Amino acid sequence: MKEKILGIVLSIICLNLSFGQELQDGQKRWNSENKLTIDDFKIKISGENNEAVYSQFMISYSAQGFDFLKRNLNNKIGNLFLGNASWIDTTKVENIAERIEFQQTQFDLAEIHARKFRKRLFIKKWKISKGFDIMNKISNEIMTEFSEQRLLLIRETESGENSEKLTQWKEKITNELQELYEFRFENKKKIKRKK
């Protein structure tokens, strides 16, 4: 009887409570070498009542029962551009390359928050053994922070039109990405706890 109960408990713990890390149609994972292009924007619109360009991003996460034992959890959190929920109205946009570059800047900003998520989860990974509520809590905090920062970026740069402010933001983003370099998705090496 005890073996059956232990088997059931272990089976439940080992279940993959995944929100999916495989890319779906129209999704693009953040990568420093693979920037957004016009072809990534899947919704084609035209009309006066819509923004000319809009990008949707998602910071996804997944976990399994024994993930807290891993060296790092970087590949459990993805930063995705959702092309099927993003659009560009080429009839309204004069300089398409600049507008797409501004969307890329927002994608880079999302990557900062994905890396912050990875770092917070790494610090609290032992709490996963008690349940996945910690991931939900961190996710909610991160998405709130990202939304606030994205809005600030859009306001301060006047939707990318203020080149001086945009340059300042890009420099800030580059520096933060570098500070959080060990928490990039591709890093599979062991991360040491800082004291």
Protein backbone atom coordinates (compact mmCIF):
# COMPACT_ATOMS: atom_id res chain seq x y z
CA MET A 1 0.00 0.00 0.00
CA LYS A 2 2.78 2.43 0.90
CA GLU A 3 4.52 1.68 -2.42
CA LYS A 4 1.32 2.55 -4.33
CA ILE A 5 0.88 5.82 -2.47
CA LEU A 6 4.55 6.68 -2.98
CA GLY A 7 4.22 5.82 -6.68
CA ILE A 8 1.16 8.05 -7.04
CA VAL A 9 2.85 10.95 -5.24
CA LEU A 10 5.98 10.62 -7.40
CA SER A 11 3.83 10.45 -10.55
CA ILE A 12 2.03 13.65 -9.59
CA ILE A 13 5.30 15.43 -8.81
CA CYS A 14 6.78 14.35 -12.14
CA LEU A 15 3.81 15.57 -14.18
CA ASN A 16 4.82 18.29 -16.56
CA LEU A 17 2.87 21.38 -15.54
CA SER A 18 4.04 23.09 -18.66
CA PHE A 19 2.69 26.16 -20.34
CA GLY A 20 4.66 25.13 -23.42
CA GLN A 21 8.08 26.08 -24.63
CA GLU A 22 7.61 24.94 -28.23
CA LEU A 23 6.99 27.84 -30.56
CA GLN A 24 3.56 28.07 -32.12
CA ASP A 25 2.78 29.48 -35.55
CA GLY A 26 3.62 33.18 -35.66
CA GLN A 27 5.75 33.18 -32.49
CA LYS A 28 9.36 34.32 -32.44
CA ARG A 29 11.70 33.80 -29.51
CA TRP A 30 13.93 36.76 -28.58
CA ASN A 31 17.42 36.41 -29.93
CA SER A 32 20.11 39.10 -30.11
CA GLU A 33 20.99 38.06 -33.67
CA ASN A 34 17.49 37.51 -35.09
CA LYS A 35 15.70 40.88 -35.10
CA LEU A 36 12.07 41.54 -35.98
CA THR A 37 11.19 42.00 -39.66
CA ILE A 38 8.06 43.14 -41.46
CA ASP A 39 7.22 39.48 -42.17
CA ASP A 40 6.90 38.79 -38.43
CA PHE A 41 3.80 41.01 -38.23
CA LYS A 42 1.03 38.64 -39.33
CA ILE A 43 -2.09 40.82 -39.04
CA LYS A 44 -2.55 43.01 -42.08
CA ILE A 45 -4.76 46.03 -41.38
CA SER A 46 -5.72 49.32 -42.86
CA GLY A 47 -7.97 51.89 -41.32
CA GLU A 48 -7.91 55.20 -39.56
CA ASN A 49 -8.96 53.97 -36.12
CA ASN A 50 -5.99 51.69 -35.47
CA GLU A 51 -2.44 52.32 -34.39
CA ALA A 52 -0.14 51.98 -37.38
CA VAL A 53 2.13 49.48 -35.62
CA TYR A 54 1.43 47.26 -32.64
CA SER A 55 3.42 44.39 -31.14
CA GLN A 56 2.28 41.80 -28.65
CA PHE A 57 4.81 40.07 -26.41
CA MET A 58 4.50 37.18 -23.96
CA ILE A 59 6.85 36.04 -21.25
CA SER A 60 5.95 32.37 -20.96
CA TYR A 61 7.06 29.83 -18.40
CA SER A 62 6.91 26.12 -17.72
CA ALA A 63 8.05 23.83 -14.95
CA GLN A 64 8.21 20.23 -13.87
CA GLY A 65 8.28 18.73 -10.42
CA PHE A 66 12.04 18.39 -10.03
CA ASP A 67 13.15 21.51 -11.91
CA PHE A 68 14.31 23.07 -8.66
CA LEU A 69 17.24 20.63 -8.78
CA LYS A 70 18.54 21.99 -12.11
CA ARG A 71 21.61 24.20 -12.47
CA ASN A 72 19.50 27.03 -13.80
CA LEU A 73 15.96 27.56 -15.04
CA ASN A 74 16.73 29.89 -17.95
CA ASN A 75 15.16 27.70 -20.62
CA LYS A 76 11.94 27.44 -18.59
CA ILE A 77 11.10 31.09 -19.30
CA GLY A 78 10.70 32.39 -22.83
CA ASN A 79 10.31 35.86 -24.24
CA LEU A 80 8.11 35.63 -27.32
CA PHE A 81 6.92 38.02 -29.98
CA LEU A 82 3.39 37.05 -31.03
CA GLY A 83 3.21 37.79 -34.72
CA ASN A 84 -0.40 36.58 -34.99
CA ALA A 85 -1.42 39.30 -32.50
CA SER A 86 0.78 42.06 -33.99
CA TRP A 87 0.28 44.32 -36.97
CA ILE A 88 1.82 46.96 -39.16
CA ASP A 89 -0.21 49.15 -41.50
CA THR A 90 2.25 49.87 -44.30
CA THR A 91 -0.17 52.42 -45.81
CA LYS A 92 0.26 54.69 -42.74
CA VAL A 93 3.94 54.20 -41.99
CA GLU A 94 6.51 56.29 -43.79
CA ASN A 95 9.72 54.78 -42.44
CA ILE A 96 8.92 51.12 -41.88
CA ALA A 97 12.47 50.20 -40.83
CA GLU A 98 12.47 52.78 -38.00
CA ARG A 99 9.05 51.68 -36.77
CA ILE A 100 10.07 48.02 -36.73
CA GLU A 101 13.29 48.98 -34.92
CA PHE A 102 11.17 50.68 -32.23
CA GLN A 103 9.14 47.48 -31.87
CA GLN A 104 12.43 45.60 -31.53
CA THR A 105 13.42 47.99 -28.74
CA GLN A 106 10.21 47.01 -26.94
CA PHE A 107 11.04 43.33 -27.55
CA ASP A 108 14.49 43.97 -26.05
CA LEU A 109 12.80 45.60 -23.05
CA ALA A 110 10.67 42.46 -22.67
CA GLU A 111 13.87 40.41 -22.69
CA ILE A 112 15.17 42.38 -19.71
CA HIS A 113 12.04 41.38 -17.81
CA ALA A 114 12.31 37.76 -18.93
CA ARG A 115 15.86 37.73 -17.56
CA LYS A 116 14.66 39.31 -14.31
CA PHE A 117 12.03 36.56 -14.11
CA ARG A 118 14.74 33.93 -14.61
CA LYS A 119 16.89 35.52 -11.92
CA ARG A 120 14.06 35.77 -9.37
CA LEU A 121 13.04 32.20 -10.08
CA PHE A 122 16.64 31.03 -9.71
CA ILE A 123 16.86 32.74 -6.32
CA LYS A 124 13.56 31.18 -5.18
CA LYS A 125 13.75 27.88 -7.08
CA TRP A 126 13.56 25.77 -3.92
CA LYS A 127 10.03 27.09 -3.41
CA ILE A 128 8.96 25.23 -6.57
CA SER A 129 9.15 22.01 -4.55
CA LYS A 130 6.18 23.31 -2.54
CA GLY A 131 4.12 24.14 -5.62
CA PHE A 132 4.10 26.34 -8.68
CA ASP A 133 2.41 29.33 -7.08
CA ILE A 134 5.77 31.08 -6.85
CA MET A 135 6.03 31.07 -10.67
CA ASN A 136 2.58 32.59 -11.01
CA LYS A 137 3.42 35.28 -8.46
CA ILE A 138 6.71 36.20 -10.15
CA SER A 139 5.03 36.15 -13.57
CA ASN A 140 2.35 38.59 -12.44
CA GLU A 141 4.97 40.92 -10.93
CA ILE A 142 7.16 40.78 -14.04
CA MET A 143 4.31 41.41 -16.48
CA THR A 144 3.20 44.42 -14.42
CA GLU A 145 6.74 45.81 -14.35
CA PHE A 146 7.15 45.22 -18.10
CA SER A 147 3.86 46.94 -18.92
CA GLU A 148 4.80 49.97 -16.82
CA GLN A 149 8.27 50.21 -18.38
CA ARG A 150 6.90 49.74 -21.90
CA LEU A 151 4.41 52.56 -21.39
CA LEU A 152 7.19 54.79 -20.03
CA LEU A 153 9.37 53.97 -23.06
CA ILE A 154 6.53 54.85 -25.44
CA ARG A 155 5.73 58.10 -23.61
CA GLU A 156 9.29 59.33 -23.15
CA THR A 157 10.32 58.58 -26.72
CA GLU A 158 7.01 59.78 -28.18
CA SER A 159 6.48 56.33 -29.75
CA GLY A 160 10.06 56.29 -31.00
CA GLU A 161 9.90 59.70 -32.67
CA ASN A 162 12.22 61.43 -30.15
CA SER A 163 15.58 60.07 -31.32
CA GLU A 164 17.56 61.54 -28.40
CA LYS A 165 15.35 59.84 -25.78
CA LEU A 166 15.24 56.66 -27.85
CA THR A 167 19.05 56.53 -27.93
CA GLN A 168 19.12 56.92 -24.13
CA TRP A 169 16.60 54.07 -23.74
CA LYS A 170 18.53 51.80 -26.11
CA GLU A 171 21.73 52.39 -24.15
CA LYS A 172 19.94 51.66 -20.87
CA ILE A 173 18.41 48.47 -22.31
CA THR A 174 21.78 47.29 -23.67
CA ASN A 175 23.40 47.83 -20.27
CA GLU A 176 20.64 45.97 -18.41
CA LEU A 177 20.77 43.05 -20.85
CA GLN A 178 24.51 42.82 -20.23
CA GLU A 179 24.07 42.96 -16.44
CA LEU A 180 21.64 40.03 -16.68
CA TYR A 181 23.68 38.14 -19.30
CA GLU A 182 23.93 34.88 -17.33
CA PHE A 183 20.10 34.76 -17.27
CA ARG A 184 19.68 34.64 -21.07
CA PHE A 185 17.57 31.78 -22.48
CA GLU A 186 20.54 30.12 -24.21
CA ASN A 187 22.70 29.86 -21.08
CA LYS A 188 22.67 26.30 -19.79
CA LYS A 189 25.70 26.65 -17.51
CA LYS A 190 25.46 26.53 -13.76
CA ILE A 191 24.75 29.90 -12.19
CA LYS A 192 26.47 30.56 -8.90
CA ARG A 193 24.61 32.24 -6.11
CA LYS A 194 26.02 35.63 -5.25
CA LYS A 195 26.54 36.27 -1.54
